[in-house]
Protein backbone atom coordinates (compact mmCIF):
# COMPACT_ATOMS: atom_id res chain seq x y z
CA MET A 1 78.82 58.86 167.41
CA ARG A 2 80.79 61.97 168.43
CA ARG A 3 82.95 61.51 165.26
CA LEU A 4 79.91 61.13 163.06
CA PHE A 5 78.33 64.25 164.47
CA ALA A 6 81.58 66.05 163.94
CA ILE A 7 81.70 65.04 160.26
CA LEU A 8 78.10 66.33 159.78
CA PHE A 9 78.98 69.46 161.56
CA LEU A 10 81.72 70.03 159.02
CA ALA A 11 79.23 70.53 156.33
CA VAL A 12 77.51 73.46 158.13
CA LEU A 13 80.71 75.46 159.10
CA THR A 14 80.76 77.47 155.87
CA SER A 15 81.73 81.19 155.63
CA ALA A 16 79.24 83.99 155.40
CA CYS A 17 78.18 83.37 151.74
CA GLY A 18 78.49 79.57 151.58
CA GLY A 19 80.86 77.71 149.33
CA GLY A 20 82.99 78.74 146.50
CA GLY A 21 81.02 77.54 143.59
CA GLU A 22 77.49 78.07 142.04
CA SER A 23 74.32 77.91 144.10
CA THR A 24 70.80 77.51 142.89
CA THR A 25 69.32 78.06 146.40
CA SER A 26 69.71 80.87 148.92
CA GLU A 27 73.31 81.72 149.63
CA GLY A 28 74.97 81.72 152.93
CA PRO A 29 77.78 83.62 154.31
CA GLY A 30 78.21 105.51 143.68
CA THR A 31 79.24 112.80 141.12
CA ASP A 32 80.07 116.22 140.42
CA ALA A 33 78.72 119.78 140.62
CA ASP A 34 79.46 122.63 138.21
CA ASP A 35 80.70 126.06 139.26
CA THR A 36 79.54 129.41 137.80
CA ALA A 37 81.26 132.87 137.52
CA THR A 38 80.33 136.44 137.90
CA THR A 39 81.39 138.80 135.10
CA ALA A 40 82.20 142.52 136.05
CA PRO A 41 80.59 145.19 133.80
CA PRO A 42 83.05 146.88 131.31
CA GLU A 43 84.54 150.29 132.30
CA THR A 44 83.29 153.54 130.58
CA THR A 45 85.27 156.69 129.73
CA THR A 46 82.61 158.88 128.11
CA ALA A 47 79.75 158.62 130.69
CA PRO A 48 79.49 159.04 134.42
CA SER A 49 80.26 155.84 136.29
CA THR A 50 77.26 153.56 137.06
CA THR A 51 76.84 150.49 139.00
CA THR A 52 75.71 147.42 137.11
CA THR A 53 74.30 144.27 138.63
CA VAL A 54 75.03 141.17 136.79
CA ALA A 55 72.64 138.27 137.53
CA THR A 56 74.35 134.90 138.19
CA THR A 57 72.86 131.44 137.93
CA THR A 58 73.90 128.52 140.13
CA THR A 59 72.94 125.10 138.99
CA THR A 60 72.32 122.83 141.91
CA GLU A 61 72.33 119.17 141.12
CA ALA A 62 70.08 116.79 143.08
CA PRO A 63 72.01 115.00 145.82
CA THR A 64 73.34 111.52 145.08
CA ALA A 65 72.04 108.61 147.22
CA VAL A 66 75.52 107.89 148.48
CA SER A 67 76.02 111.41 149.72
CA GLN A 68 73.11 110.80 152.10
CA VAL A 69 74.66 107.76 153.78
CA PRO A 70 74.83 108.30 157.61
CA THR A 71 78.08 107.57 159.47
CA PRO A 72 77.65 104.25 161.28
CA GLU A 73 77.80 103.88 165.07
CA ALA A 74 81.09 101.91 164.75
CA SER A 75 83.76 102.38 162.20
CA THR A 76 86.34 99.95 163.44
CA VAL A 77 86.08 96.21 164.22
CA ALA A 78 86.99 96.90 167.81
CA ASP A 79 84.15 99.38 168.19
CA LEU A 80 81.84 97.13 166.29
CA LEU A 81 82.39 94.22 168.74
CA SER A 82 81.98 96.55 171.69
CA LEU A 83 78.44 97.59 170.82
CA ASP A 84 75.89 96.77 173.52
CA ARG A 85 73.40 95.55 170.80
CA PRO A 86 73.37 92.94 168.04
CA VAL A 87 75.34 93.72 164.83
CA VAL A 88 73.58 93.86 161.42
CA ALA A 89 75.61 92.99 158.27
CA ALA A 90 74.13 93.38 154.84
CA HIS A 91 74.61 90.05 153.01
CA GLY A 92 75.89 91.13 149.49
CA GLY A 93 74.32 94.49 150.18
CA GLY A 94 71.02 92.93 151.13
CA ASP A 95 70.41 90.31 148.21
CA ARG A 96 66.87 89.53 149.17
CA SER A 97 65.96 93.21 148.81
CA TYR A 98 68.29 94.55 146.15
CA PRO A 99 70.43 93.29 143.15
CA HIS A 100 73.17 91.27 144.81
CA SER A 101 76.45 93.08 145.43
CA THR A 102 75.69 96.16 143.33
CA MET A 103 76.60 99.69 144.43
CA TYR A 104 72.90 100.34 144.58
CA ALA A 105 72.35 97.51 147.13
CA PHE A 106 75.24 98.64 149.25
CA VAL A 107 74.10 102.24 149.30
CA GLU A 108 70.50 101.29 150.11
CA ALA A 109 71.69 98.99 152.94
CA ALA A 110 73.79 101.71 154.34
CA LEU A 111 70.88 104.11 154.19
CA ALA A 112 68.80 101.65 156.10
CA GLY A 113 71.34 101.78 159.03
CA THR A 114 73.26 98.62 158.47
CA ASP A 115 76.41 98.33 160.61
CA VAL A 116 78.44 96.14 158.20
CA LEU A 117 78.64 95.62 154.47
CA GLU A 118 79.26 91.94 153.63
CA MET A 119 80.72 91.10 150.27
CA ASP A 120 82.38 88.31 148.27
CA LEU A 121 85.69 88.86 146.48
CA GLN A 122 87.46 87.09 143.71
CA MET A 123 90.04 88.01 141.11
CA THR A 124 89.60 88.81 137.39
CA ALA A 125 91.81 87.66 134.47
CA ASP A 126 93.79 90.92 134.89
CA GLY A 127 94.27 90.54 138.67
CA VAL A 128 91.62 92.99 139.91
CA LEU A 129 89.52 92.08 142.85
CA VAL A 130 85.75 92.36 142.15
CA VAL A 131 82.76 91.96 144.36
CA HIS A 132 80.80 88.87 143.01
CA HIS A 133 79.48 85.69 144.67
CA ASP A 134 79.48 82.89 141.93
CA ALA A 135 82.41 81.54 140.04
CA THR A 136 80.60 82.61 136.90
CA VAL A 137 78.41 85.58 135.84
CA ASP A 138 75.64 83.20 134.58
CA ARG A 139 73.14 83.62 137.47
CA ARG A 140 73.30 87.43 137.80
CA THR A 141 73.99 88.94 134.31
CA GLU A 142 72.68 88.64 130.67
CA THR A 143 75.55 86.57 129.65
CA THR A 144 77.86 83.54 130.73
CA GLY A 145 81.49 83.05 131.72
CA ARG A 146 83.88 82.59 134.54
CA VAL A 147 84.90 85.67 136.48
CA ARG A 148 88.56 84.46 136.35
CA ASP A 149 88.46 84.47 132.54
CA LEU A 150 87.20 88.01 132.02
CA THR A 151 88.95 91.38 132.62
CA VAL A 152 87.53 94.06 134.93
CA VAL A 153 86.46 96.08 131.85
CA GLU A 154 84.67 93.12 130.32
CA LEU A 155 82.83 92.39 133.66
CA GLN A 156 81.79 95.99 134.21
CA GLU A 157 80.02 96.10 130.89
CA LEU A 158 77.56 93.61 132.26
CA ASP A 159 74.13 94.21 133.75
CA LYS A 160 74.44 92.90 137.39
CA ALA A 161 70.82 93.42 138.04
CA TYR A 162 69.60 91.63 135.03
CA TRP A 163 67.75 88.72 136.60
CA PHE A 164 66.76 90.37 139.94
CA HIS A 165 63.05 90.12 140.78
CA ASP A 166 61.82 91.19 144.20
CA ARG A 167 63.73 88.64 146.46
CA GLY A 168 64.95 86.23 143.84
CA GLU A 169 66.11 85.70 140.32
CA GLU A 170 63.30 83.86 138.59
CA ARG A 171 63.88 83.51 134.78
CA ASP A 172 60.54 82.89 133.27
CA LEU A 173 58.81 86.28 133.99
CA PRO A 174 57.96 88.97 131.47
CA ASP A 175 60.70 91.49 130.87
CA ASP A 176 58.80 94.21 132.75
CA GLN A 177 58.81 92.15 135.90
CA TYR A 178 62.56 92.60 136.29
CA PRO A 179 62.54 96.12 137.87
CA PHE A 180 66.19 96.93 137.48
CA ARG A 181 66.90 95.38 134.18
CA GLY A 182 68.34 97.82 131.65
CA MET A 183 69.50 100.47 134.17
CA ARG A 184 73.06 99.43 133.62
CA THR A 185 72.78 99.96 129.78
CA GLY A 186 70.84 103.22 130.07
CA ASP A 187 67.71 101.75 128.62
CA VAL A 188 65.84 102.33 131.85
CA GLU A 189 66.07 105.33 134.05
CA PRO A 190 67.66 104.43 137.49
CA PRO A 191 66.04 105.60 140.73
CA ALA A 192 66.71 109.15 141.88
CA GLY A 193 70.23 109.65 143.12
CA TYR A 194 71.59 106.66 141.15
CA THR A 195 73.30 106.15 137.75
CA ALA A 196 73.96 103.29 135.38
CA ASP A 197 77.19 102.58 137.02
CA ASP A 198 75.44 101.54 140.24
CA PHE A 199 74.19 98.39 138.61
CA LYS A 200 77.49 96.94 137.30
CA ILE A 201 80.02 94.41 138.88
CA GLU A 202 82.01 96.66 141.33
CA THR A 203 85.59 96.53 142.28
CA PHE A 204 86.54 96.05 146.00
CA ARG A 205 88.70 99.24 145.86
CA THR A 206 85.82 101.41 144.74
CA LEU A 207 83.45 100.00 147.50
CA ALA A 208 86.17 100.43 150.21
CA GLU A 209 86.68 104.04 149.09
CA THR A 210 82.95 104.70 148.87
CA PHE A 211 82.29 103.46 152.37
CA PRO A 212 85.20 104.59 154.41
CA ASP A 213 83.35 104.48 157.73
CA HIS A 214 81.63 101.12 157.46
CA VAL A 215 83.21 97.86 158.70
CA LEU A 216 83.55 95.54 155.67
CA ASP A 217 82.99 91.72 156.04
CA LEU A 218 85.03 90.20 153.24
CA GLU A 219 84.84 86.58 152.01
CA ILE A 220 87.57 85.35 149.65
CA LYS A 221 85.80 83.06 147.18
CA VAL A 222 87.54 79.95 145.86
CA PRO A 223 86.98 79.73 142.08
CA LEU A 224 86.84 76.69 139.93
CA ASP A 225 89.76 75.43 137.83
CA ASP A 226 89.41 74.07 134.25
CA ASP A 227 88.38 70.72 135.71
CA GLY A 228 85.72 72.08 137.81
CA GLU A 229 87.60 71.62 141.01
CA SER A 230 88.24 74.30 143.59
CA ASP A 231 91.34 76.29 142.86
CA VAL A 232 92.64 77.07 146.30
CA ALA A 233 96.09 78.39 144.83
CA TYR A 234 94.14 81.02 142.79
CA ALA A 235 92.31 82.07 145.94
CA ILE A 236 95.47 82.32 147.91
CA GLU A 237 96.75 84.73 145.26
CA ALA A 238 93.63 86.74 145.63
CA ALA A 239 94.35 86.72 149.45
CA ARG A 240 97.72 88.18 148.91
CA VAL A 241 96.22 90.93 146.58
CA LEU A 242 93.59 91.68 149.16
CA ALA A 243 96.10 91.98 151.95
CA ALA A 244 98.09 94.49 149.95
CA ALA A 245 94.93 96.47 149.21
CA ILE A 246 93.71 96.57 152.70
CA GLU A 247 97.13 98.02 153.81
CA GLU A 248 97.20 100.49 150.95
CA LEU A 249 93.62 101.58 151.68
CA ASP A 250 94.25 101.97 155.42
CA ARG A 251 91.51 99.49 156.24
CA THR A 252 93.43 97.25 158.63
CA ASP A 253 91.24 97.99 161.51
CA SER A 254 87.97 98.08 159.68
CA VAL A 255 87.63 94.81 157.84
CA ILE A 256 87.01 91.12 158.84
CA VAL A 257 88.24 88.52 156.35
CA THR A 258 86.91 85.01 156.03
CA SER A 259 86.93 82.12 153.49
CA PHE A 260 85.40 78.69 153.11
CA SER A 261 88.95 77.43 152.74
CA SER A 262 91.15 77.18 155.87
CA ASP A 263 94.18 76.95 153.59
CA VAL A 264 93.29 80.43 152.18
CA MET A 265 92.70 81.82 155.77
CA ILE A 266 95.97 80.49 156.99
CA ALA A 267 97.77 82.19 154.04
CA PHE A 268 95.83 85.43 154.52
CA ARG A 269 96.82 85.67 158.20
CA GLU A 270 100.48 85.44 157.17
CA PHE A 271 99.94 88.21 154.52
CA ALA A 272 98.05 90.52 156.99
CA PRO A 273 98.76 89.55 160.60
CA GLU A 274 96.91 92.61 162.00
CA VAL A 275 93.55 92.02 160.28
CA ALA A 276 90.63 90.50 162.06
CA THR A 277 89.43 87.18 160.67
CA SER A 278 86.92 84.33 160.95
CA PRO A 279 87.93 80.70 160.93
CA GLY A 280 87.72 78.46 157.72
CA GLU A 281 85.84 75.21 157.70
CA ASP A 282 88.68 72.90 158.61
CA GLU A 283 89.77 75.17 161.39
CA MET A 284 86.36 75.17 162.94
CA LEU A 285 86.32 71.34 162.75
CA ALA A 286 89.60 71.09 164.50
CA TRP A 287 88.25 73.37 167.20
CA TYR A 288 85.12 71.32 167.60
CA LEU A 289 87.13 68.09 167.92
CA GLY A 290 89.55 69.65 170.41
CA THR A 291 92.46 69.20 168.13
CA GLY A 292 92.96 72.87 167.29
CA GLY A 293 92.22 76.30 168.68
CA ILE A 294 91.01 79.50 167.53
CA ALA A 295 93.51 81.61 165.74
CA GLU A 296 94.59 84.85 167.49
CA GLN A 297 93.23 87.02 164.65
CA ASP A 298 89.77 85.38 164.75
CA VAL A 299 87.18 87.63 166.21
CA LEU A 300 84.02 85.72 165.35
CA ALA A 301 82.52 82.67 163.71
CA GLN A 302 80.07 83.08 160.79
CA LEU A 303 77.69 80.06 160.51
CA PRO A 304 74.28 79.09 159.06
CA PRO A 305 71.49 78.33 161.53
CA GLU A 306 71.04 74.63 160.41
CA ARG A 307 72.10 72.01 157.91
CA LEU A 308 71.74 68.19 157.57
CA GLY A 309 69.42 68.23 160.47
CA ILE A 310 72.04 69.73 162.90
CA ASP A 311 70.84 72.72 164.94
CA ILE A 312 73.69 75.25 165.02
CA LEU A 313 71.47 77.40 167.24
CA ASP A 314 71.60 74.93 170.07
CA PRO A 315 72.27 76.97 173.19
CA GLU A 316 75.17 74.72 174.33
CA LEU A 317 76.91 75.17 171.09
CA ILE A 318 76.34 78.90 171.06
CA ALA A 319 77.74 79.14 174.59
CA ARG A 320 80.79 76.95 173.69
CA ILE A 321 81.72 79.29 170.72
CA GLN A 322 81.22 82.47 172.77
CA ALA A 323 83.27 81.00 175.63
CA GLU A 324 86.24 81.13 173.33
CA GLY A 325 85.99 84.97 173.53
CA ILE A 326 84.69 85.33 169.89
CA GLY A 327 81.39 86.52 168.57
CA LEU A 328 78.91 84.53 166.65
CA TRP A 329 77.10 85.80 163.45
CA ILE A 330 74.43 83.82 161.69
CA TRP A 331 73.68 83.91 157.88
CA PRO A 332 70.16 82.61 157.14
CA ASN A 333 70.07 80.04 154.51
CA SER A 334 66.47 80.01 153.37
CA ASP A 335 64.04 82.67 152.20
CA ASP A 336 61.61 82.03 155.16
CA GLN A 337 64.38 83.05 157.61
CA GLU A 338 64.99 86.45 155.96
CA ASN A 339 62.63 88.51 157.96
CA GLU A 340 62.49 90.57 161.14
CA ALA A 341 60.82 87.95 163.20
CA PHE A 342 63.55 85.30 162.53
CA TYR A 343 66.30 87.84 163.00
CA ARG A 344 64.77 88.83 166.35
CA SER A 345 64.62 85.16 167.50
CA LEU A 346 68.43 84.89 166.71
CA PHE A 347 69.10 87.91 168.96
CA GLU A 348 66.92 86.48 171.73
CA LEU A 349 69.20 83.36 171.79
CA GLY A 350 72.15 85.65 172.35
CA ILE A 351 73.55 85.66 168.82
CA ASP A 352 75.94 88.52 168.34
CA GLY A 353 74.96 89.47 164.74
CA VAL A 354 73.04 88.54 161.66
CA ILE A 355 74.18 88.68 158.11
CA ALA A 356 70.83 89.78 156.65
CA GLY A 357 69.41 89.56 153.20
CA VAL A 358 66.80 92.11 154.15
CA PRO A 359 68.87 94.81 155.89
CA ALA A 360 65.98 97.13 156.95
CA GLU A 361 64.36 94.30 158.88
CA GLY A 362 67.60 93.28 160.36
CA VAL A 363 68.08 96.86 161.72
CA ALA A 364 64.50 96.89 163.01
CA ALA A 365 65.24 93.64 164.82
CA ALA A 366 68.41 94.81 166.36
CA LEU A 367 67.25 98.16 167.52
CA GLY A 368 63.79 96.79 168.64
């Protein structure tokens, strides 16, 4: 029986945004000012000297939304894990409130007081790390295609908010029911403080540079190969590129890296031995069976609350994970769990953090 339970448990031990492919249900674990000059009056030689006042006009642009983002309470992983309250990470920037993984979403989540920005990473055809959950662009944009087959320029022409409606992506509504559709193309005016670029597929580098004070929770996605199978080798190459980018951007102490694939995580730890991580699926299973331990770089486990009838929120299981000296963050895996009441219930169980689709409600629960 214990072996059967362990096998079932394997299915739930996914990373912060779930598996590497497509999903049709809820997913588991952004400006310049002009200067003006003053011109002195010309000198005169035929009349007494006079004083002339030249009026100047200074154009003050409205502040951008990103310029209003507050500095979070903790800007390193060590400080984050030392907070005396639960941690709130914005899942894809808060995908139940805003268009998934857009700059708009991440800024809004940061404005709401989120501690951590959670994002999914994969590599384009020209080797650039972009922030996108699915293996294809089909579910988020106006077109179709695999991320790995498109260049970053091609991807950034797309409208990442095309299908977003309230807290979902229903496809049979009138055009005017998709509130952010057309902002990427300039057909619709974006909210104050934002531009069309805030609704495109964004690069990891841009987001890391835009939010230098926020801890980033990064999931390396495993894309599909031409046969529709998980391409772990491609993801390992993305892990190598990510490790180099983290070092170049000086983010070694302010990111947590995870992946559904334990092979990817083992490779990443070799590429970046000083970066904090979460276990992959097989690693968690080995830990559960007692045949493996928690890696030295692992600082927390990122799990869903339930799957296949198994309650991951069982107090004994929570206690066992935390007894390893690591934290436990939960990513809700259904819409009815994305609310303040459910987040608060997690914290009452002693859960260390939530990866929330509704960041403002997550913050309210953590601070309340």
